[in-house]
PDB file of N, CA and C in Angstrom:
ATOM      1  N   MET A   1     154.306   6.865 -56.694  1.00  0.00           N
ATOM      2  CA  MET A   1     154.121   7.552 -54.905  1.00  0.00           C
ATOM      3  C   MET A   1     155.719   7.555 -54.187  1.00  0.00           C
ATOM      4  N   HIS A   2     156.161   8.634 -53.822  1.00  0.00           N
ATOM      5  CA  HIS A   2     157.185   8.516 -52.864  1.00  0.00           C
ATOM      6  C   HIS A   2     157.263   8.126 -51.780  1.00  0.00           C
ATOM      7  N   THR A   3     158.323   7.244 -51.225  1.00  0.00           N
ATOM      8  CA  THR A   3     158.017   6.554 -49.891  1.00  0.00           C
ATOM      9  C   THR A   3     159.486   7.370 -49.462  1.00  0.00           C
ATOM     10  N   VAL A   4     159.123   7.974 -47.861  1.00  0.00           N
ATOM     11  CA  VAL A   4     160.259   8.126 -47.215  1.00  0.00           C
ATOM     12  C   VAL A   4     161.260   7.078 -46.573  1.00  0.00           C
ATOM     13  N   ASN A   5     162.044   7.527 -46.823  1.00  0.00           N
ATOM     14  CA  ASN A   5     163.309   6.466 -46.112  1.00  0.00           C
ATOM     15  C   ASN A   5     163.763   7.288 -44.961  1.00  0.00           C
ATOM     16  N   HIS A   6     164.251   5.948 -43.818  1.00  0.00           N
ATOM     17  CA  HIS A   6     165.015   6.952 -42.496  1.00  0.00           C
ATOM     18  C   HIS A   6     166.713   6.529 -42.569  1.00  0.00           C
ATOM     19  N   ASP A   7     167.086   7.406 -42.806  1.00  0.00           N
ATOM     20  CA  ASP A   7     168.789   6.921 -42.860  1.00  0.00           C
ATOM     21  C   ASP A   7     169.581   7.766 -41.621  1.00  0.00           C
ATOM     22  N   THR A   8     169.152   6.517 -40.795  1.00  0.00           N
ATOM     23  CA  THR A   8     170.037   6.215 -39.047  1.00  0.00           C
ATOM     24  C   THR A   8     171.320   6.991 -39.347  1.00  0.00           C
ATOM     25  N   ALA A   9     172.086   6.721 -40.275  1.00  0.00           N
ATOM     26  CA  ALA A   9     173.744   6.552 -39.812  1.00  0.00           C
ATOM     27  C   ALA A   9     173.705   7.737 -40.496  1.00  0.00           C
ATOM     28  N   ASN A  10     172.842   8.830 -41.312  1.00  0.00           N
ATOM     29  CA  ASN A  10     173.763   9.872 -41.632  1.00  0.00           C
ATOM     30  C   ASN A  10     172.281  11.055 -40.834  1.00  0.00           C
ATOM     31  N   LYS A  11     170.940  10.339 -39.989  1.00  0.00           N
ATOM     32  CA  LYS A  11     170.430  11.435 -39.638  1.00  0.00           C
ATOM     33  C   LYS A  11     169.778  11.805 -40.327  1.00  0.00           C
ATOM     34  N   ARG A  12     168.926  11.616 -41.599  1.00  0.00           N
ATOM     35  CA  ARG A  12     168.104  12.165 -42.233  1.00  0.00           C
ATOM     36  C   ARG A  12     167.056  11.511 -42.334  1.00  0.00           C
ATOM     37  N   PHE A  13     165.522  11.642 -43.044  1.00  0.00           N
ATOM     38  CA  PHE A  13     164.471  11.520 -43.552  1.00  0.00           C
ATOM     39  C   PHE A  13     165.333  11.683 -45.253  1.00  0.00           C
ATOM     40  N   LEU A  14     164.881  10.706 -46.323  1.00  0.00           N
ATOM     41  CA  LEU A  14     164.526  11.078 -47.432  1.00  0.00           C
ATOM     42  C   LEU A  14     163.516  10.526 -48.199  1.00  0.00           C
ATOM     43  N   ILE A  15     163.261  11.037 -49.167  1.00  0.00           N
ATOM     44  CA  ILE A  15     162.660  10.789 -50.160  1.00  0.00           C
ATOM     45  C   ILE A  15     162.899  10.709 -51.714  1.00  0.00           C
ATOM     46  N   ARG A  16     163.287   9.615 -52.090  1.00  0.00           N
ATOM     47  CA  ARG A  16     164.151   9.785 -53.713  1.00  0.00           C
ATOM     48  C   ARG A  16     162.711   9.257 -54.769  1.00  0.00           C
ATOM     49  N   ASP A  17     163.582   9.617 -55.760  1.00  0.00           N
ATOM     50  CA  ASP A  17     163.295   9.367 -57.399  1.00  0.00           C
ATOM     51  C   ASP A  17     164.380   8.873 -58.169  1.00  0.00           C
ATOM     52  N   ASN A  18     163.762   7.584 -58.346  1.00  0.00           N
ATOM     53  CA  ASN A  18     164.983   6.748 -59.573  1.00  0.00           C
ATOM     54  C   ASN A  18     166.116   6.495 -58.765  1.00  0.00           C
ATOM     55  N   GLY A  19     166.579   7.057 -57.486  1.00  0.00           N
ATOM     56  CA  GLY A  19     167.846   6.810 -57.329  1.00  0.00           C
ATOM     57  C   GLY A  19     168.254   8.229 -56.737  1.00  0.00           C
ATOM     58  N   ALA A  20     167.597   9.066 -57.481  1.00  0.00           N
ATOM     59  CA  ALA A  20     168.357  10.900 -57.174  1.00  0.00           C
ATOM     60  C   ALA A  20     167.381  11.048 -55.458  1.00  0.00           C
ATOM     61  N   ILE A  21     168.223  12.423 -55.164  1.00  0.00           N
ATOM     62  CA  ILE A  21     167.360  12.875 -53.627  1.00  0.00           C
ATOM     63  C   ILE A  21     165.936  13.885 -54.466  1.00  0.00           C
ATOM     64  N   ALA A  22     164.763  13.448 -53.857  1.00  0.00           N
ATOM     65  CA  ALA A  22     163.677  14.249 -54.292  1.00  0.00           C
ATOM     66  C   ALA A  22     163.813  15.346 -53.164  1.00  0.00           C
ATOM     67  N   ALA A  23     163.604  14.868 -51.780  1.00  0.00           N
ATOM     68  CA  ALA A  23     163.328  15.819 -50.664  1.00  0.00           C
ATOM     69  C   ALA A  23     164.359  15.040 -49.306  1.00  0.00           C
ATOM     70  N   GLU A  24     164.780  16.156 -48.901  1.00  0.00           N
ATOM     71  CA  GLU A  24     165.682  15.860 -47.710  1.00  0.00           C
ATOM     72  C   GLU A  24     164.907  16.291 -46.190  1.00  0.00           C
ATOM     73  N   MET A  25     165.199  15.885 -44.906  1.00  0.00           N
ATOM     74  CA  MET A  25     164.768  16.308 -43.924  1.00  0.00           C
ATOM     75  C   MET A  25     166.618  15.893 -42.734  1.00  0.00           C
ATOM     76  N   THR A  26     167.182  16.980 -42.270  1.00  0.00           N
ATOM     77  CA  THR A  26     168.430  16.202 -41.628  1.00  0.00           C
ATOM     78  C   THR A  26     168.269  16.782 -39.355  1.00  0.00           C
ATOM     79  N   TYR A  27     168.594  16.119 -38.693  1.00  0.00           N
ATOM     80  CA  TYR A  27     168.633  16.100 -37.679  1.00  0.00           C
ATOM     81  C   TYR A  27     169.832  15.957 -36.805  1.00  0.00           C
ATOM     82  N   VAL A  28     169.959  16.644 -35.615  1.00  0.00           N
ATOM     83  CA  VAL A  28     170.646  16.564 -34.531  1.00  0.00           C
ATOM     84  C   VAL A  28     170.161  15.627 -33.616  1.00  0.00           C
ATOM     85  N   THR A  29     170.855  14.996 -33.137  1.00  0.00           N
ATOM     86  CA  THR A  29     170.381  13.990 -31.761  1.00  0.00           C
ATOM     87  C   THR A  29     170.691  14.640 -30.538  1.00  0.00           C
ATOM     88  N   SER A  30     169.930  15.264 -29.999  1.00  0.00           N
ATOM     89  CA  SER A  30     170.538  16.276 -28.320  1.00  0.00           C
ATOM     90  C   SER A  30     170.918  15.562 -27.078  1.00  0.00           C
ATOM     91  N   SER A  31     170.097  14.148 -27.513  1.00  0.00           N
ATOM     92  CA  SER A  31     169.449  12.807 -26.243  1.00  0.00           C
ATOM     93  C   SER A  31     169.121  12.296 -26.753  1.00  0.00           C
ATOM     94  N   PRO A  32     169.109  11.029 -26.663  1.00  0.00           N
ATOM     95  CA  PRO A  32     168.717  10.126 -26.957  1.00  0.00           C
ATOM     96  C   PRO A  32     166.976   9.878 -27.503  1.00  0.00           C
ATOM     97  N   GLU A  33     166.298  10.923 -26.606  1.00  0.00           N
ATOM     98  CA  GLU A  33     164.781  10.966 -26.834  1.00  0.00           C
ATOM     99  C   GLU A  33     164.603  12.263 -26.924  1.00  0.00           C
ATOM    100  N   LEU A  34     165.566  13.570 -27.681  1.00  0.00           N
ATOM    101  CA  LEU A  34     165.770  14.327 -28.068  1.00  0.00           C
ATOM    102  C   LEU A  34     165.948  14.604 -28.998  1.00  0.00           C
ATOM    103  N   TYR A  35     165.276  14.792 -30.531  1.00  0.00           N
ATOM    104  CA  TYR A  35     165.797  15.250 -32.179  1.00  0.00           C
ATOM    105  C   TYR A  35     165.337  16.902 -32.049  1.00  0.00           C
ATOM    106  N   ILE A  36     166.234  17.370 -32.911  1.00  0.00           N
ATOM    107  CA  ILE A  36     166.562  18.853 -33.176  1.00  0.00           C
ATOM    108  C   ILE A  36     165.930  18.753 -35.339  1.00  0.00           C
ATOM    109  N   ILE A  37     165.296  18.668 -35.463  1.00  0.00           N
ATOM    110  CA  ILE A  37     165.033  18.931 -36.990  1.00  0.00           C
ATOM    111  C   ILE A  37     165.805  20.782 -37.455  1.00  0.00           C
ATOM    112  N   ASP A  38     167.129  20.519 -38.375  1.00  0.00           N
ATOM    113  CA  ASP A  38     167.600  21.293 -38.523  1.00  0.00           C
ATOM    114  C   ASP A  38     167.614  22.130 -39.743  1.00  0.00           C
ATOM    115  N   HIS A  39     167.156  21.223 -40.593  1.00  0.00           N
ATOM    116  CA  HIS A  39     166.626  21.547 -42.246  1.00  0.00           C
ATOM    117  C   HIS A  39     166.116  20.489 -43.158  1.00  0.00           C
ATOM    118  N   THR A  40     165.169  20.980 -43.955  1.00  0.00           N
ATOM    119  CA  THR A  40     164.458  20.506 -44.664  1.00  0.00           C
ATOM    120  C   THR A  40     164.557  20.894 -45.968  1.00  0.00           C
ATOM    121  N   LEU A  41     164.821  20.456 -47.049  1.00  0.00           N
ATOM    122  CA  LEU A  41     165.002  20.543 -48.411  1.00  0.00           C
ATOM    123  C   LEU A  41     164.213  19.708 -49.035  1.00  0.00           C
ATOM    124  N   VAL A  42     163.673  20.586 -50.345  1.00  0.00           N
ATOM    125  CA  VAL A  42     162.723  19.647 -51.458  1.00  0.00           C
ATOM    126  C   VAL A  42     163.579  20.174 -52.814  1.00  0.00           C
ATOM    127  N   ASN A  43     163.696  19.379 -53.570  1.00  0.00           N
ATOM    128  CA  ASN A  43     164.281  19.843 -54.784  1.00  0.00           C
ATOM    129  C   ASN A  43     163.176  20.580 -55.854  1.00  0.00           C
ATOM    130  N   ASN A  44     164.021  21.520 -56.414  1.00  0.00           N
ATOM    131  CA  ASN A  44     162.355  22.672 -57.424  1.00  0.00           C
ATOM    132  C   ASN A  44     161.849  21.779 -58.185  1.00  0.00           C
ATOM    133  N   ALA A  45     162.338  20.384 -58.823  1.00  0.00           N
ATOM    134  CA  ALA A  45     161.215  19.801 -59.727  1.00  0.00           C
ATOM    135  C   ALA A  45     159.969  19.444 -58.696  1.00  0.00           C
ATOM    136  N   TYR A  46     160.521  18.903 -57.450  1.00  0.00           N
ATOM    137  CA  TYR A  46     159.332  19.001 -56.840  1.00  0.00           C
ATOM    138  C   TYR A  46     158.872  18.936 -55.478  1.00  0.00           C
ATOM    139  N   ARG A  47     158.810  20.785 -55.387  1.00  0.00           N
ATOM    140  CA  ARG A  47     157.937  21.305 -54.957  1.00  0.00           C
ATOM    141  C   ARG A  47     156.706  21.582 -55.123  1.00  0.00           C
ATOM    142  N   GLY A  48     155.492  21.789 -53.647  1.00  0.00           N
ATOM    143  CA  GLY A  48     154.362  21.414 -54.617  1.00  0.00           C
ATOM    144  C   GLY A  48     153.589  20.797 -54.442  1.00  0.00           C
ATOM    145  N   GLN A  49     154.310  19.386 -54.068  1.00  0.00           N
ATOM    146  CA  GLN A  49     153.845  18.013 -54.192  1.00  0.00           C
ATOM    147  C   GLN A  49     153.795  17.425 -53.053  1.00  0.00           C
ATOM    148  N   GLY A  50     153.850  18.571 -51.665  1.00  0.00           N
ATOM    149  CA  GLY A  50     153.669  17.786 -50.299  1.00  0.00           C
ATOM    150  C   GLY A  50     155.058  16.886 -50.215  1.00  0.00           C
ATOM    151  N   LEU A  51     155.654  16.868 -50.198  1.00  0.00           N
ATOM    152  CA  LEU A  51     157.081  16.278 -49.838  1.00  0.00           C
ATOM    153  C   LEU A  51     157.689  16.830 -48.899  1.00  0.00           C
ATOM    154  N   GLY A  52     157.739  17.761 -48.660  1.00  0.00           N
ATOM    155  CA  GLY A  52     158.373  18.253 -46.914  1.00  0.00           C
ATOM    156  C   GLY A  52     157.440  17.958 -45.884  1.00  0.00           C
ATOM    157  N   ASP A  53     155.857  17.727 -45.837  1.00  0.00           N
ATOM    158  CA  ASP A  53     154.819  17.350 -45.115  1.00  0.00           C
ATOM    159  C   ASP A  53     155.376  16.161 -45.197  1.00  0.00           C
ATOM    160  N   LYS A  54     155.510  15.322 -45.859  1.00  0.00           N
ATOM    161  CA  LYS A  54     155.983  13.943 -45.555  1.00  0.00           C
ATOM    162  C   LYS A  54     156.788  13.228 -44.965  1.00  0.00           C
ATOM    163  N   LEU A  55     158.135  14.197 -45.108  1.00  0.00           N
ATOM    164  CA  LEU A  55     158.707  14.274 -44.084  1.00  0.00           C
ATOM    165  C   LEU A  55     158.828  14.543 -43.161  1.00  0.00           C
ATOM    166  N   VAL A  56     158.207  15.744 -42.572  1.00  0.00           N
ATOM    167  CA  VAL A  56     158.133  16.010 -40.811  1.00  0.00           C
ATOM    168  C   VAL A  56     156.966  14.299 -40.253  1.00  0.00           C
ATOM    169  N   LYS A  57     156.119  14.418 -41.135  1.00  0.00           N
ATOM    170  CA  LYS A  57     154.919  13.521 -41.051  1.00  0.00           C
ATOM    171  C   LYS A  57     155.677  11.855 -40.808  1.00  0.00           C
ATOM    172  N   ALA A  58     156.515  11.667 -41.427  1.00  0.00           N
ATOM    173  CA  ALA A  58     157.758  10.547 -40.609  1.00  0.00           C
ATOM    174  C   ALA A  58     157.906  10.491 -39.396  1.00  0.00           C
ATOM    175  N   MET A  59     158.314  11.596 -39.476  1.00  0.00           N
ATOM    176  CA  MET A  59     160.072  11.953 -38.236  1.00  0.00           C
ATOM    177  C   MET A  59     158.679  12.223 -37.255  1.00  0.00           C
ATOM    178  N   VAL A  60     157.740  12.218 -36.921  1.00  0.00           N
ATOM    179  CA  VAL A  60     156.515  12.276 -35.702  1.00  0.00           C
ATOM    180  C   VAL A  60     156.057  11.400 -35.307  1.00  0.00           C
ATOM    181  N   GLU A  61     155.834  10.033 -36.675  1.00  0.00           N
ATOM    182  CA  GLU A  61     155.507   8.430 -36.713  1.00  0.00           C
ATOM    183  C   GLU A  61     156.591   8.121 -35.608  1.00  0.00           C
ATOM    184  N   TYR A  62     157.763   8.726 -36.195  1.00  0.00           N
ATOM    185  CA  TYR A  62     159.319   7.929 -35.733  1.00  0.00           C
ATOM    186  C   TYR A  62     159.432   8.327 -34.343  1.00  0.00           C
ATOM    187  N   ALA A  63     159.100   9.084 -34.177  1.00  0.00           N
ATOM    188  CA  ALA A  63     159.174   9.954 -32.793  1.00  0.00           C
ATOM    189  C   ALA A  63     158.262   9.201 -31.489  1.00  0.00           C
ATOM    190  N   ARG A  64     156.857   9.428 -32.100  1.00  0.00           N
ATOM    191  CA  ARG A  64     155.796   8.475 -31.337  1.00  0.00           C
ATOM    192  C   ARG A  64     156.362   7.248 -31.210  1.00  0.00           C
ATOM    193  N   GLU A  65     156.852   6.936 -31.876  1.00  0.00           N
ATOM    194  CA  GLU A  65     157.283   4.707 -31.992  1.00  0.00           C
ATOM    195  C   GLU A  65     158.126   4.743 -30.930  1.00  0.00           C
ATOM    196  N   ASN A  66     158.718   5.647 -30.679  1.00  0.00           N
ATOM    197  CA  ASN A  66     160.263   5.753 -30.442  1.00  0.00           C
ATOM    198  C   ASN A  66     160.077   6.761 -29.044  1.00  0.00           C
ATOM    199  N   GLY A  67     159.288   6.921 -28.304  1.00  0.00           N
ATOM    200  CA  GLY A  67     159.341   8.022 -27.276  1.00  0.00           C
ATOM    201  C   GLY A  67     160.495   9.560 -27.308  1.00  0.00           C
ATOM    202  N   ILE A  68     160.256   9.896 -28.325  1.00  0.00           N
ATOM    203  CA  ILE A  68     161.210  11.229 -28.671  1.00  0.00           C
ATOM    204  C   ILE A  68     160.546  12.197 -28.576  1.00  0.00           C
ATOM    205  N   LYS A  69     161.325  12.871 -28.164  1.00  0.00           N
ATOM    206  CA  LYS A  69     160.746  15.092 -28.629  1.00  0.00           C
ATOM    207  C   LYS A  69     161.164  15.350 -29.309  1.00  0.00           C
ATOM    208  N   ILE A  70     160.589  16.173 -30.271  1.00  0.00           N
ATOM    209  CA  ILE A  70     161.366  16.988 -30.984  1.00  0.00           C
ATOM    210  C   ILE A  70     161.539  19.014 -31.342  1.00  0.00           C
ATOM    211  N   VAL A  71     162.390  19.056 -31.305  1.00  0.00           N
ATOM    212  CA  VAL A  71     162.310  20.829 -31.675  1.00  0.00           C
ATOM    213  C   VAL A  71     162.604  21.201 -32.958  1.00  0.00           C
ATOM    214  N   PRO A  72     161.761  21.670 -33.212  1.00  0.00           N
ATOM    215  CA  PRO A  72     161.790  21.779 -34.950  1.00  0.00           C
ATOM    216  C   PRO A  72     162.716  23.254 -34.901  1.00  0.00           C
ATOM    217  N   LEU A  73     163.828  23.102 -35.006  1.00  0.00           N
ATOM    218  CA  LEU A  73     164.727  24.474 -35.589  1.00  0.00           C
ATOM    219  C   LEU A  73     164.019  25.391 -36.782  1.00  0.00           C
ATOM    220  N   CYS A  74     163.958  23.966 -37.686  1.00  0.00           N
ATOM    221  CA  CYS A  74     164.255  24.820 -39.306  1.00  0.00           C
ATOM    222  C   CYS A  74     163.507  25.403 -39.773  1.00  0.00           C
ATOM    223  N   PRO A  75     163.101  26.899 -40.278  1.00  0.00           N
ATOM    224  CA  PRO A  75     161.393  26.688 -40.371  1.00  0.00           C
ATOM    225  C   PRO A  75     160.408  26.654 -40.734  1.00  0.00           C
ATOM    226  N   PHE A  76     161.002  25.543 -41.932  1.00  0.00           N
ATOM    227  CA  PHE A  76     159.793  24.617 -42.386  1.00  0.00           C
ATOM    228  C   PHE A  76     159.265  23.638 -41.328  1.00  0.00           C
ATOM    229  N   ALA A  77     159.811  22.666 -40.453  1.00  0.00           N
ATOM    230  CA  ALA A  77     159.012  21.971 -39.820  1.00  0.00           C
ATOM    231  C   ALA A  77     158.392  22.968 -38.559  1.00  0.00           C
ATOM    232  N   LYS A  78     159.163  23.951 -38.611  1.00  0.00           N
ATOM    233  CA  LYS A  78     158.822  25.054 -37.252  1.00  0.00           C
ATOM    234  C   LYS A  78     157.258  25.137 -38.083  1.00  0.00           C
ATOM    235  N   GLY A  79     156.830  25.632 -38.888  1.00  0.00           N
ATOM    236  CA  GLY A  79     155.619  25.910 -39.185  1.00  0.00           C
ATOM    237  C   GLY A  79     154.470  25.150 -39.762  1.00  0.00           C
ATOM    238  N   ARG A  80     154.974  23.846 -39.733  1.00  0.00           N
ATOM    239  CA  ARG A  80     154.006  22.366 -39.746  1.00  0.00           C
ATOM    240  C   ARG A  80     154.097  22.442 -38.599  1.00  0.00           C
ATOM    241  N   PHE A  81     154.872  22.342 -37.225  1.00  0.00           N
ATOM    242  CA  PHE A  81     154.627  21.450 -35.947  1.00  0.00           C
ATOM    243  C   PHE A  81     153.534  22.770 -35.684  1.00  0.00           C
ATOM    244  N   GLU A  82     153.621  24.382 -36.028  1.00  0.00           N
ATOM    245  CA  GLU A  82     152.723  25.221 -35.688  1.00  0.00           C
ATOM    246  C   GLU A  82     151.103  25.250 -36.400  1.00  0.00           C
ATOM    247  N   HIS A  83     151.195  24.596 -37.789  1.00  0.00           N
ATOM    248  CA  HIS A  83     149.938  24.308 -38.206  1.00  0.00           C
ATOM    249  C   HIS A  83     149.358  23.217 -38.056  1.00  0.00           C
ATOM    250  N   TYR A  84     150.050  22.184 -37.802  1.00  0.00           N
ATOM    251  CA  TYR A  84     149.515  20.766 -37.148  1.00  0.00           C
ATOM    252  C   TYR A  84     149.469  20.291 -35.402  1.00  0.00           C
ATOM    253  N   SER A  85     147.995  20.329 -35.208  1.00  0.00           N
ATOM    254  CA  SER A  85     147.962  20.523 -33.389  1.00  0.00           C
ATOM    255  C   SER A  85     148.024  19.134 -33.217  1.00  0.00           C
ATOM    256  N   GLU A  86     148.118  18.232 -34.055  1.00  0.00           N
ATOM    257  CA  GLU A  86     148.355  17.259 -34.009  1.00  0.00           C
ATOM    258  C   GLU A  86     149.535  16.675 -33.685  1.00  0.00           C
ATOM    259  N   TYR A  87     150.173  17.125 -33.637  1.00  0.00           N
ATOM    260  CA  TYR A  87     152.234  16.730 -34.026  1.00  0.00           C
ATOM    261  C   TYR A  87     152.457  17.333 -32.328  1.00  0.00           C
ATOM    262  N   ALA A  88     151.759  17.770 -31.398  1.00  0.00           N
ATOM    263  CA  ALA A  88     152.222  18.560 -29.942  1.00  0.00           C
ATOM    264  C   ALA A  88     152.338  17.438 -29.022  1.00  0.00           C
ATOM    265  N   ASP A  89     152.014  16.149 -29.084  1.00  0.00           N
ATOM    266  CA  ASP A  89     152.439  15.276 -28.272  1.00  0.00           C
ATOM    267  C   ASP A  89     153.578  15.058 -28.035  1.00  0.00           C
ATOM    268  N   VAL A  90     154.666  15.075 -29.410  1.00  0.00           N
ATOM    269  CA  VAL A  90     155.889  15.539 -30.251  1.00  0.00           C
ATOM    270  C   VAL A  90     157.118  16.468 -29.649  1.00  0.00           C
ATOM    271  N   LEU A  91     156.126  17.469 -29.128  1.00  0.00           N
ATOM    272  CA  LEU A  91     156.799  18.908 -29.466  1.00  0.00           C
ATOM    273  C   LEU A  91     157.431  18.828 -28.176  1.00  0.00           C
ATOM    274  N   ASN A  92     158.812  19.227 -28.425  1.00  0.00           N
ATOM    275  CA  ASN A  92     159.467  19.064 -27.086  1.00  0.00           C
ATOM    276  C   ASN A  92     159.183  20.840 -26.444  1.00  0.00           C
ATOM    277  N   LYS A  93     158.764  20.936 -25.297  1.00  0.00           N
ATOM    278  CA  LYS A  93     158.010  22.832 -24.856  1.00  0.00           C
ATOM    279  C   LYS A  93     159.062  22.805 -23.856  1.00  0.00           C
TER     280      LYS A  93
END
């Protein structure tokens, strides 16, 4: 099972496999209450396993817990926000 880790120092959510980064989603903070997802990458060997979705879900959960709104700038994250209406509560409109 792949666990998502939040690397706050480097503003990213990561999934590692045996120490190597399998997937990564980075963000920038526009303000303490507004985060912008700017990049999502799943290494080729791990594609098709839902790791990108796990990263977005982890960011959404973090945003809910901390009163943060999200701007999904990266195409993958934007697509997930369009697909999952349950993420609307943290979407910056």
